[in-house]
């Protein structure tokens, strides 16, 4: 079992920045690949960014490329999502998720994108971007 707790959400003006954090407790953090997803009202949960167990590989939704950066600190059991140049359409509840890594070999971006493949989820943090 692993417990995930997100923080860092809030209200920001368009063009501003936020840094989300997700602290993990429980089993060894480096046993998991991590992902950030978001869900806006009336919409399905969507992939935002993913990171490999080592932090060496990262993947992004097209709308996040160049604006968001996912990173992790395995010593602190924490994954981050730095969000810059925020837009009103980024408004959503942001969730972090953990997926057990059975084989530590390289994986393509599609491995990270499916929400149903993740094993553990945090409770979410609200991000609101005003225009």
Foldseek 3Di string as FASTA:
>chain_A
DKAKAKDWADEEAAQAKIKMKIAMDDDQLLQWKKFKWWDDPPGDIWTAKIAHSVRPDMDGDPVQPPFWDWGDDSVRRMIMIIGGRDDQVVWTWMKMFIAGDPDRDDDDPVCHTDPVRTDDMYPTDTHGYHD
